[in-house]
């Protein structure tokens, strides 16, 4: 890898200097933590994923210094570590907020309002996809399926579920996060900031009172097939109820989405660039 002219991306033909090392006290602390992680695996290389979460917990994202640390601990090249760190979207490559707010825009969430929520939050927060608010509190992104379709549309904050969202409830949620208010997920453990979340994902105990005992599972619709497979009787159709009694889960009159509007396709519009399309069977 070579250095580039600042702001222009023009290669200068000079190799980049190695990433700086952590300060001695930080490195000693991380080495002690890393030793616990590596000891869990018969092959030390298998510890790379949790170690990347560990270094992410230090600065809130995976820095070149963090990747160098992982390489040193595991006897890998920085290229090998970088290949893994850039493959998985849970590893951030630049500074991000205390709260990673992900709006599911996959099919079901999208048609039930995920598209509208994501668009509204971009305008409300003044950020684009993957960008962070000026106060450093919230990073907004659209994400793929959260495996919670019967609670659609779903948001996740630092990988904790916020189900049955609307445009207005999502706005209130991010406002409360930025104001430093305590916000409880719909299911799962209490919310914590992204650095602490990363440390938990590295495999270290969540020592907050009640965090481990906090429950949360799939909804009735997701479990219907499992019950049938076990021979258990169940309703022929399952609709996950909304919760209008909870302020952040109000039942909206409708779920506007870009998917709701009729689309001008080659089948419906003779002037479409693709040309008219005959109906199937004609």
C-alpha atoms as a PDB file:
ATOM      1  CA  UNK A   1       0.000   0.000   0.000  1.00  0.00           C
ATOM      2  CA  UNK A   2       1.339   3.420  -0.882  1.00  0.00           C
ATOM      3  CA  UNK A   3       0.709   6.878   0.510  1.00  0.00           C
ATOM      4  CA  UNK A   4      -1.508   9.296  -1.432  1.00  0.00           C
ATOM      5  CA  UNK A   5      -1.505  13.069  -1.865  1.00  0.00           C
ATOM      6  CA  UNK A   6      -3.800  14.554   0.764  1.00  0.00           C
ATOM      7  CA  UNK A   7      -7.305  15.096  -0.567  1.00  0.00           C
ATOM      8  CA  UNK A   8      -6.486  13.832  -4.059  1.00  0.00           C
ATOM      9  CA  UNK A   9      -5.940  10.089  -3.763  1.00  0.00           C
ATOM     10  CA  UNK A  10      -2.894  10.310  -6.048  1.00  0.00           C
ATOM     11  CA  UNK A  11      -0.275   7.614  -5.315  1.00  0.00           C
ATOM     12  CA  UNK A  12       3.080   9.103  -4.356  1.00  0.00           C
ATOM     13  CA  UNK A  13       5.031   5.870  -4.699  1.00  0.00           C
ATOM     14  CA  UNK A  14       6.028   5.884  -1.042  1.00  0.00           C
ATOM     15  CA  UNK A  15       4.988   3.019   1.259  1.00  0.00           C
ATOM     16  CA  UNK A  16       2.753   3.925   4.162  1.00  0.00           C
ATOM     17  CA  UNK A  17       4.335   3.803   7.578  1.00  0.00           C
ATOM     18  CA  UNK A  18       3.199   0.985   9.872  1.00  0.00           C
ATOM     19  CA  UNK A  19       0.268   1.779  12.120  1.00  0.00           C
ATOM     20  CA  UNK A  20       1.366   3.161  15.486  1.00  0.00           C
ATOM     21  CA  UNK A  21       1.274   0.814  18.461  1.00  0.00           C
ATOM     22  CA  UNK A  22      -1.042   1.255  21.421  1.00  0.00           C
ATOM     23  CA  UNK A  23       0.437   3.079  24.429  1.00  0.00           C
ATOM     24  CA  UNK A  24       2.202   0.622  26.734  1.00  0.00           C
ATOM     25  CA  UNK A  25      -0.515   0.629  29.402  1.00  0.00           C
ATOM     26  CA  UNK A  26      -3.305   0.104  26.868  1.00  0.00           C
ATOM     27  CA  UNK A  27      -1.407  -2.667  25.107  1.00  0.00           C
ATOM     28  CA  UNK A  28      -0.716  -4.466  28.396  1.00  0.00           C
ATOM     29  CA  UNK A  29      -4.410  -4.356  29.306  1.00  0.00           C
ATOM     30  CA  UNK A  30      -5.494  -5.564  25.864  1.00  0.00           C
ATOM     31  CA  UNK A  31      -2.882  -8.319  25.852  1.00  0.00           C
ATOM     32  CA  UNK A  32      -4.300  -9.666  29.121  1.00  0.00           C
ATOM     33  CA  UNK A  33      -7.810  -9.624  27.655  1.00  0.00           C
ATOM     34  CA  UNK A  34      -6.612 -11.140  24.386  1.00  0.00           C
ATOM     35  CA  UNK A  35      -4.936 -14.013  26.216  1.00  0.00           C
ATOM     36  CA  UNK A  36      -8.325 -14.954  27.707  1.00  0.00           C
ATOM     37  CA  UNK A  37      -9.928 -14.876  24.271  1.00  0.00           C
ATOM     38  CA  UNK A  38      -7.225 -16.898  22.524  1.00  0.00           C
ATOM     39  CA  UNK A  39      -7.297 -19.549  25.280  1.00  0.00           C
ATOM     40  CA  UNK A  40     -10.841 -20.497  24.267  1.00  0.00           C
ATOM     41  CA  UNK A  41      -9.753 -21.863  20.886  1.00  0.00           C
ATOM     42  CA  UNK A  42      -7.594 -24.852  19.898  1.00  0.00           C
ATOM     43  CA  UNK A  43      -6.358 -22.835  16.914  1.00  0.00           C
ATOM     44  CA  UNK A  44      -5.393 -19.273  17.829  1.00  0.00           C
ATOM     45  CA  UNK A  45      -6.409 -18.007  14.387  1.00  0.00           C
ATOM     46  CA  UNK A  46     -10.030 -18.767  15.300  1.00  0.00           C
ATOM     47  CA  UNK A  47      -9.855 -15.967  17.886  1.00  0.00           C
ATOM     48  CA  UNK A  48      -9.635 -13.243  15.227  1.00  0.00           C
ATOM     49  CA  UNK A  49     -13.342 -12.339  15.173  1.00  0.00           C
ATOM     50  CA  UNK A  50     -13.681 -11.783  18.939  1.00  0.00           C
ATOM     51  CA  UNK A  51     -10.318  -9.986  19.006  1.00  0.00           C
ATOM     52  CA  UNK A  52     -11.607  -7.540  16.407  1.00  0.00           C
ATOM     53  CA  UNK A  53     -14.566  -6.866  18.695  1.00  0.00           C
ATOM     54  CA  UNK A  54     -12.099  -6.375  21.549  1.00  0.00           C
ATOM     55  CA  UNK A  55     -10.076  -3.714  19.746  1.00  0.00           C
ATOM     56  CA  UNK A  56     -13.325  -2.123  18.545  1.00  0.00           C
ATOM     57  CA  UNK A  57     -14.352  -1.760  22.183  1.00  0.00           C
ATOM     58  CA  UNK A  58     -11.223   0.327  22.794  1.00  0.00           C
ATOM     59  CA  UNK A  59     -11.834   3.150  20.311  1.00  0.00           C
ATOM     60  CA  UNK A  60     -15.309   2.485  18.966  1.00  0.00           C
ATOM     61  CA  UNK A  61     -14.073   1.213  15.626  1.00  0.00           C
ATOM     62  CA  UNK A  62     -11.363  -1.051  14.214  1.00  0.00           C
ATOM     63  CA  UNK A  63      -8.331   1.162  13.694  1.00  0.00           C
ATOM     64  CA  UNK A  64      -5.109   0.300  11.844  1.00  0.00           C
ATOM     65  CA  UNK A  65      -3.515   0.095  15.287  1.00  0.00           C
ATOM     66  CA  UNK A  66      -6.163  -2.408  16.377  1.00  0.00           C
ATOM     67  CA  UNK A  67      -5.597  -4.547  13.300  1.00  0.00           C
ATOM     68  CA  UNK A  68      -1.842  -4.466  13.908  1.00  0.00           C
ATOM     69  CA  UNK A  69      -2.456  -5.607  17.475  1.00  0.00           C
ATOM     70  CA  UNK A  70      -4.612  -8.543  16.316  1.00  0.00           C
ATOM     71  CA  UNK A  71      -1.966  -9.532  13.782  1.00  0.00           C
ATOM     72  CA  UNK A  72       0.789  -9.430  16.407  1.00  0.00           C
ATOM     73  CA  UNK A  73      -1.180 -11.487  18.924  1.00  0.00           C
ATOM     74  CA  UNK A  74      -2.204 -14.171  16.438  1.00  0.00           C
ATOM     75  CA  UNK A  75       0.918 -14.284  14.306  1.00  0.00           C
ATOM     76  CA  UNK A  76      -0.969 -13.143  11.192  1.00  0.00           C
ATOM     77  CA  UNK A  77      -0.169 -10.516   8.597  1.00  0.00           C
ATOM     78  CA  UNK A  78      -2.027  -7.213   8.716  1.00  0.00           C
ATOM     79  CA  UNK A  79      -3.358  -8.071   5.235  1.00  0.00           C
ATOM     80  CA  UNK A  80      -5.017 -11.205   6.639  1.00  0.00           C
ATOM     81  CA  UNK A  81      -6.577  -9.252   9.488  1.00  0.00           C
ATOM     82  CA  UNK A  82      -7.712  -6.460   7.174  1.00  0.00           C
ATOM     83  CA  UNK A  83      -9.383  -8.975   4.852  1.00  0.00           C
ATOM     84  CA  UNK A  84     -11.576 -10.169   7.718  1.00  0.00           C
ATOM     85  CA  UNK A  85     -12.219  -6.728   9.246  1.00  0.00           C
ATOM     86  CA  UNK A  86     -13.435  -5.354   5.924  1.00  0.00           C
ATOM     87  CA  UNK A  87     -15.651  -8.356   5.151  1.00  0.00           C
ATOM     88  CA  UNK A  88     -18.005  -8.118   8.136  1.00  0.00           C
ATOM     89  CA  UNK A  89     -20.202  -5.041   8.493  1.00  0.00           C
ATOM     90  CA  UNK A  90     -20.259  -5.267  12.316  1.00  0.00           C
ATOM     91  CA  UNK A  91     -16.680  -4.015  12.331  1.00  0.00           C
ATOM     92  CA  UNK A  92     -16.601  -0.243  11.856  1.00  0.00           C
ATOM     93  CA  UNK A  93     -13.738   1.235   9.876  1.00  0.00           C
ATOM     94  CA  UNK A  94     -14.177   4.844  10.942  1.00  0.00           C
ATOM     95  CA  UNK A  95     -15.283   6.697  14.086  1.00  0.00           C
ATOM     96  CA  UNK A  96     -18.950   6.174  14.827  1.00  0.00           C
ATOM     97  CA  UNK A  97     -21.568   7.076  17.403  1.00  0.00           C
ATOM     98  CA  UNK A  98     -22.303   5.792  20.859  1.00  0.00           C
ATOM     99  CA  UNK A  99     -25.465   4.263  19.427  1.00  0.00           C
ATOM    100  CA  UNK A 100     -25.597   2.446  16.105  1.00  0.00           C
ATOM    101  CA  UNK A 101     -29.184   2.831  14.891  1.00  0.00           C
ATOM    102  CA  UNK A 102     -29.975   0.341  12.160  1.00  0.00           C
ATOM    103  CA  UNK A 103     -33.247   0.523  10.245  1.00  0.00           C
ATOM    104  CA  UNK A 104     -34.256  -2.710   8.556  1.00  0.00           C
ATOM    105  CA  UNK A 105     -35.075  -1.987   4.911  1.00  0.00           C
ATOM    106  CA  UNK A 106     -35.408  -5.573   3.788  1.00  0.00           C
ATOM    107  CA  UNK A 107     -38.637  -6.589   2.100  1.00  0.00           C
ATOM    108  CA  UNK A 108     -41.206  -6.984   4.874  1.00  0.00           C
ATOM    109  CA  UNK A 109     -39.949  -4.151   7.072  1.00  0.00           C
ATOM    110  CA  UNK A 110     -39.685  -1.950   3.987  1.00  0.00           C
ATOM    111  CA  UNK A 111     -43.276  -2.432   2.867  1.00  0.00           C
ATOM    112  CA  UNK A 112     -44.544  -1.944   6.429  1.00  0.00           C
ATOM    113  CA  UNK A 113     -42.731   1.367   6.837  1.00  0.00           C
ATOM    114  CA  UNK A 114     -38.991   0.747   7.076  1.00  0.00           C
ATOM    115  CA  UNK A 115     -38.272   2.807   3.969  1.00  0.00           C
ATOM    116  CA  UNK A 116     -40.271   5.717   5.331  1.00  0.00           C
ATOM    117  CA  UNK A 117     -38.593   5.453   8.748  1.00  0.00           C
ATOM    118  CA  UNK A 118     -35.108   5.446   7.255  1.00  0.00           C
ATOM    119  CA  UNK A 119     -35.854   8.426   5.035  1.00  0.00           C
ATOM    120  CA  UNK A 120     -37.421  10.356   7.914  1.00  0.00           C
ATOM    121  CA  UNK A 121     -34.495   9.673  10.261  1.00  0.00           C
ATOM    122  CA  UNK A 122     -31.981  10.854   7.667  1.00  0.00           C
ATOM    123  CA  UNK A 123     -33.827  14.160   7.443  1.00  0.00           C
ATOM    124  CA  UNK A 124     -34.476  14.377  11.193  1.00  0.00           C
ATOM    125  CA  UNK A 125     -30.836  13.741  12.133  1.00  0.00           C
ATOM    126  CA  UNK A 126     -29.275  15.510   9.160  1.00  0.00           C
ATOM    127  CA  UNK A 127     -27.117  12.521   8.223  1.00  0.00           C
ATOM    128  CA  UNK A 128     -26.887  10.013   5.406  1.00  0.00           C
ATOM    129  CA  UNK A 129     -26.430   6.269   5.488  1.00  0.00           C
ATOM    130  CA  UNK A 130     -23.476   5.308   7.673  1.00  0.00           C
ATOM    131  CA  UNK A 131     -22.998   8.870   8.927  1.00  0.00           C
ATOM    132  CA  UNK A 132     -22.859  10.112  12.518  1.00  0.00           C
ATOM    133  CA  UNK A 133     -24.561  13.093  14.122  1.00  0.00           C
ATOM    134  CA  UNK A 134     -22.353  16.047  15.043  1.00  0.00           C
ATOM    135  CA  UNK A 135     -22.692  15.287  18.755  1.00  0.00           C
ATOM    136  CA  UNK A 136     -21.234  11.819  18.190  1.00  0.00           C
ATOM    137  CA  UNK A 137     -24.274  10.114  19.677  1.00  0.00           C
ATOM    138  CA  UNK A 138     -25.991   8.353  16.775  1.00  0.00           C
ATOM    139  CA  UNK A 139     -24.764   6.596  13.655  1.00  0.00           C
ATOM    140  CA  UNK A 140     -27.595   5.817  11.241  1.00  0.00           C
ATOM    141  CA  UNK A 141     -27.581   2.986   8.721  1.00  0.00           C
ATOM    142  CA  UNK A 142     -29.975   0.806   6.812  1.00  0.00           C
ATOM    143  CA  UNK A 143     -29.429  -2.866   7.423  1.00  0.00           C
ATOM    144  CA  UNK A 144     -30.611  -6.177   6.089  1.00  0.00           C
ATOM    145  CA  UNK A 145     -33.032  -8.596   7.728  1.00  0.00           C
ATOM    146  CA  UNK A 146     -32.996  -8.678  11.522  1.00  0.00           C
ATOM    147  CA  UNK A 147     -34.906 -12.001  11.636  1.00  0.00           C
ATOM    148  CA  UNK A 148     -37.811 -10.317  13.413  1.00  0.00           C
ATOM    149  CA  UNK A 149     -40.319 -10.070  10.575  1.00  0.00           C
ATOM    150  CA  UNK A 150     -43.367 -10.603  12.790  1.00  0.00           C
ATOM    151  CA  UNK A 151     -42.431  -7.399  14.631  1.00  0.00           C
ATOM    152  CA  UNK A 152     -41.874  -5.345  11.473  1.00  0.00           C
ATOM    153  CA  UNK A 153     -40.826  -2.646  11.001  1.00  0.00           C
ATOM    154  CA  UNK A 154     -37.839  -3.186  13.265  1.00  0.00           C
ATOM    155  CA  UNK A 155     -34.949  -0.973  14.365  1.00  0.00           C
ATOM    156  CA  UNK A 156     -31.861  -2.169  16.175  1.00  0.00           C
ATOM    157  CA  UNK A 157     -29.760  -0.019  18.490  1.00  0.00           C
ATOM    158  CA  UNK A 158     -26.378  -1.580  19.204  1.00  0.00           C
ATOM    159  CA  UNK A 159     -27.941  -4.895  18.103  1.00  0.00           C
ATOM    160  CA  UNK A 160     -30.863  -4.716  20.551  1.00  0.00           C
ATOM    161  CA  UNK A 161     -34.431  -4.899  19.200  1.00  0.00           C
ATOM    162  CA  UNK A 162     -36.925  -2.060  18.943  1.00  0.00           C
ATOM    163  CA  UNK A 163     -40.037  -3.643  17.431  1.00  0.00           C
ATOM    164  CA  UNK A 164     -43.170  -2.351  15.698  1.00  0.00           C
ATOM    165  CA  UNK A 165     -41.742   1.060  14.973  1.00  0.00           C
ATOM    166  CA  UNK A 166     -43.287   4.038  13.198  1.00  0.00           C
ATOM    167  CA  UNK A 167     -41.786   7.235  11.841  1.00  0.00           C
ATOM    168  CA  UNK A 168     -42.768   9.161  14.955  1.00  0.00           C
ATOM    169  CA  UNK A 169     -41.650   6.502  17.455  1.00  0.00           C
ATOM    170  CA  UNK A 170     -38.296   6.223  15.661  1.00  0.00           C
ATOM    171  CA  UNK A 171     -37.791   9.979  15.858  1.00  0.00           C
ATOM    172  CA  UNK A 172     -38.565   9.935  19.579  1.00  0.00           C
ATOM    173  CA  UNK A 173     -36.155   7.052  20.060  1.00  0.00           C
ATOM    174  CA  UNK A 174     -33.163   8.824  18.504  1.00  0.00           C
ATOM    175  CA  UNK A 175     -34.024  12.063  20.308  1.00  0.00           C
ATOM    176  CA  UNK A 176     -33.987  10.242  23.639  1.00  0.00           C
ATOM    177  CA  UNK A 177     -30.675   8.587  22.817  1.00  0.00           C
ATOM    178  CA  UNK A 178     -29.112  11.945  21.981  1.00  0.00           C
ATOM    179  CA  UNK A 179     -30.527  13.474  25.168  1.00  0.00           C
ATOM    180  CA  UNK A 180     -28.895  10.754  27.271  1.00  0.00           C
ATOM    181  CA  UNK A 181     -32.187   9.300  28.472  1.00  0.00           C
ATOM    182  CA  UNK A 182     -32.462   5.660  29.463  1.00  0.00           C
ATOM    183  CA  UNK A 183     -34.110   3.700  26.660  1.00  0.00           C
ATOM    184  CA  UNK A 184     -35.302   0.108  27.040  1.00  0.00           C
ATOM    185  CA  UNK A 185     -35.309  -2.299  24.080  1.00  0.00           C
ATOM    186  CA  UNK A 186     -38.498  -4.176  23.275  1.00  0.00           C
ATOM    187  CA  UNK A 187     -36.707  -7.475  23.929  1.00  0.00           C
ATOM    188  CA  UNK A 188     -33.347  -8.533  25.242  1.00  0.00           C
ATOM    189  CA  UNK A 189     -30.717  -6.993  27.472  1.00  0.00           C
ATOM    190  CA  UNK A 190     -30.707  -3.363  28.596  1.00  0.00           C
ATOM    191  CA  UNK A 191     -29.081  -0.959  26.179  1.00  0.00           C
ATOM    192  CA  UNK A 192     -25.433   0.041  26.566  1.00  0.00           C
ATOM    193  CA  UNK A 193     -23.095   2.128  24.423  1.00  0.00           C
ATOM    194  CA  UNK A 194     -21.348   0.707  21.387  1.00  0.00           C
ATOM    195  CA  UNK A 195     -17.942   0.241  23.024  1.00  0.00           C
ATOM    196  CA  UNK A 196     -19.426  -1.845  25.831  1.00  0.00           C
ATOM    197  CA  UNK A 197     -21.504  -3.769  23.307  1.00  0.00           C
ATOM    198  CA  UNK A 198     -18.317  -4.587  21.391  1.00  0.00           C
ATOM    199  CA  UNK A 199     -16.643  -5.894  24.545  1.00  0.00           C
ATOM    200  CA  UNK A 200     -19.615  -8.157  25.277  1.00  0.00           C
ATOM    201  CA  UNK A 201     -19.446  -9.456  21.685  1.00  0.00           C
ATOM    202  CA  UNK A 202     -15.766 -10.213  22.289  1.00  0.00           C
ATOM    203  CA  UNK A 203     -16.991 -12.744  24.846  1.00  0.00           C
ATOM    204  CA  UNK A 204     -16.574 -10.936  28.144  1.00  0.00           C
ATOM    205  CA  UNK A 205     -19.333 -11.149  30.772  1.00  0.00           C
ATOM    206  CA  UNK A 206     -22.065  -8.545  30.851  1.00  0.00           C
ATOM    207  CA  UNK A 207     -21.892  -7.682  34.536  1.00  0.00           C
ATOM    208  CA  UNK A 208     -24.777  -5.199  34.579  1.00  0.00           C
ATOM    209  CA  UNK A 209     -27.529  -6.228  37.027  1.00  0.00           C
ATOM    210  CA  UNK A 210     -30.298  -8.093  35.234  1.00  0.00           C
ATOM    211  CA  UNK A 211     -28.643  -8.002  31.822  1.00  0.00           C
ATOM    212  CA  UNK A 212     -28.075 -11.732  31.464  1.00  0.00           C
ATOM    213  CA  UNK A 213     -31.506 -12.622  32.834  1.00  0.00           C
ATOM    214  CA  UNK A 214     -33.287 -10.304  30.394  1.00  0.00           C
ATOM    215  CA  UNK A 215     -35.340 -12.373  27.994  1.00  0.00           C
ATOM    216  CA  UNK A 216     -36.682 -12.037  24.502  1.00  0.00           C
ATOM    217  CA  UNK A 217     -37.496 -14.464  21.744  1.00  0.00           C
ATOM    218  CA  UNK A 218     -39.058 -14.756  18.331  1.00  0.00           C
ATOM    219  CA  UNK A 219     -42.692 -13.818  17.938  1.00  0.00           C
ATOM    220  CA  UNK A 220     -45.681 -16.151  17.514  1.00  0.00           C
ATOM    221  CA  UNK A 221     -45.581 -16.072  13.719  1.00  0.00           C
ATOM    222  CA  UNK A 222     -41.930 -17.122  13.637  1.00  0.00           C
ATOM    223  CA  UNK A 223     -42.601 -20.004  16.008  1.00  0.00           C
ATOM    224  CA  UNK A 224     -45.734 -21.293  14.273  1.00  0.00           C
ATOM    225  CA  UNK A 225     -43.786 -23.593  11.957  1.00  0.00           C
ATOM    226  CA  UNK A 226     -41.789 -25.021  14.854  1.00  0.00           C
ATOM    227  CA  UNK A 227     -44.978 -25.875  16.718  1.00  0.00           C
ATOM    228  CA  UNK A 228     -46.433 -27.594  13.658  1.00  0.00           C
ATOM    229  CA  UNK A 229     -43.209 -29.582  13.214  1.00  0.00           C
ATOM    230  CA  UNK A 230     -43.548 -30.780  16.811  1.00  0.00           C
ATOM    231  CA  UNK A 231     -47.145 -31.812  16.209  1.00  0.00           C
ATOM    232  CA  UNK A 232     -48.509 -29.089  18.450  1.00  0.00           C
ATOM    233  CA  UNK A 233     -51.810 -27.440  17.698  1.00  0.00           C
ATOM    234  CA  UNK A 234     -51.819 -23.736  17.004  1.00  0.00           C
ATOM    235  CA  UNK A 235     -53.856 -21.029  15.298  1.00  0.00           C
ATOM    236  CA  UNK A 236     -54.056 -21.265  11.533  1.00  0.00           C
ATOM    237  CA  UNK A 237     -53.003 -17.623  11.233  1.00  0.00           C
ATOM    238  CA  UNK A 238     -50.919 -15.553  13.602  1.00  0.00           C
ATOM    239  CA  UNK A 239     -50.853 -11.771  13.753  1.00  0.00           C
ATOM    240  CA  UNK A 240     -48.397 -10.177  16.152  1.00  0.00           C
ATOM    241  CA  UNK A 241     -50.334  -7.487  18.047  1.00  0.00           C
ATOM    242  CA  UNK A 242     -49.206  -3.904  18.201  1.00  0.00           C
ATOM    243  CA  UNK A 243     -48.849  -2.201  21.530  1.00  0.00           C
ATOM    244  CA  UNK A 244     -50.686   1.145  21.410  1.00  0.00           C
ATOM    245  CA  UNK A 245     -50.414   1.441  25.196  1.00  0.00           C
ATOM    246  CA  UNK A 246     -46.631   1.865  24.839  1.00  0.00           C
ATOM    247  CA  UNK A 247     -45.759   5.402  23.608  1.00  0.00           C
ATOM    248  CA  UNK A 248     -42.913   4.236  21.361  1.00  0.00           C
ATOM    249  CA  UNK A 249     -45.094   1.627  19.641  1.00  0.00           C
ATOM    250  CA  UNK A 250     -48.169   3.513  18.513  1.00  0.00           C
ATOM    251  CA  UNK A 251     -50.364   1.985  15.833  1.00  0.00           C
ATOM    252  CA  UNK A 252     -50.088   4.186  12.750  1.00  0.00           C
ATOM    253  CA  UNK A 253     -52.966   4.786  10.373  1.00  0.00           C
ATOM    254  CA  UNK A 254     -50.816   3.446   7.556  1.00  0.00           C
ATOM    255  CA  UNK A 255     -47.270   2.406   6.772  1.00  0.00           C
ATOM    256  CA  UNK A 256     -46.167   4.570   3.837  1.00  0.00           C
ATOM    257  CA  UNK A 257     -43.373   3.070   1.803  1.00  0.00           C
ATOM    258  CA  UNK A 258     -41.863   3.582  -1.596  1.00  0.00           C
ATOM    259  CA  UNK A 259     -43.013   0.034  -2.311  1.00  0.00           C
ATOM    260  CA  UNK A 260     -46.676   1.014  -1.881  1.00  0.00           C
ATOM    261  CA  UNK A 261     -46.828   3.250  -4.945  1.00  0.00           C
ATOM    262  CA  UNK A 262     -47.559   1.693  -8.344  1.00  0.00           C
ATOM    263  CA  UNK A 263     -44.337   1.449 -10.315  1.00  0.00           C
ATOM    264  CA  UNK A 264     -44.054   2.373 -13.976  1.00  0.00           C
ATOM    265  CA  UNK A 265     -42.703  -0.830 -15.502  1.00  0.00           C
ATOM    266  CA  UNK A 266     -42.441  -2.069 -19.042  1.00  0.00           C
ATOM    267  CA  UNK A 267     -45.642  -4.038 -18.459  1.00  0.00           C
ATOM    268  CA  UNK A 268     -47.693  -1.062 -17.303  1.00  0.00           C
ATOM    269  CA  UNK A 269     -46.181   1.762 -19.345  1.00  0.00           C
ATOM    270  CA  UNK A 270     -45.761   1.425 -23.134  1.00  0.00           C
ATOM    271  CA  UNK A 271     -43.351   4.388 -23.053  1.00  0.00           C
ATOM    272  CA  UNK A 272     -41.006   2.665 -20.591  1.00  0.00           C
ATOM    273  CA  UNK A 273     -37.435   2.436 -21.991  1.00  0.00           C
ATOM    274  CA  UNK A 274     -37.626  -1.366 -21.871  1.00  0.00           C
ATOM    275  CA  UNK A 275     -40.640  -1.282 -24.172  1.00  0.00           C
ATOM    276  CA  UNK A 276     -44.086  -2.863 -23.667  1.00  0.00           C
ATOM    277  CA  UNK A 277     -44.199  -6.375 -22.276  1.00  0.00           C
ATOM    278  CA  UNK A 278     -46.886  -8.896 -23.100  1.00  0.00           C
ATOM    279  CA  UNK A 279     -48.783 -10.509 -20.250  1.00  0.00           C
ATOM    280  CA  UNK A 280     -47.722 -14.040 -19.377  1.00  0.00           C
ATOM    281  CA  UNK A 281     -49.318 -16.565 -21.695  1.00  0.00           C
ATOM    282  CA  UNK A 282     -49.919 -14.137 -24.569  1.00  0.00           C
END
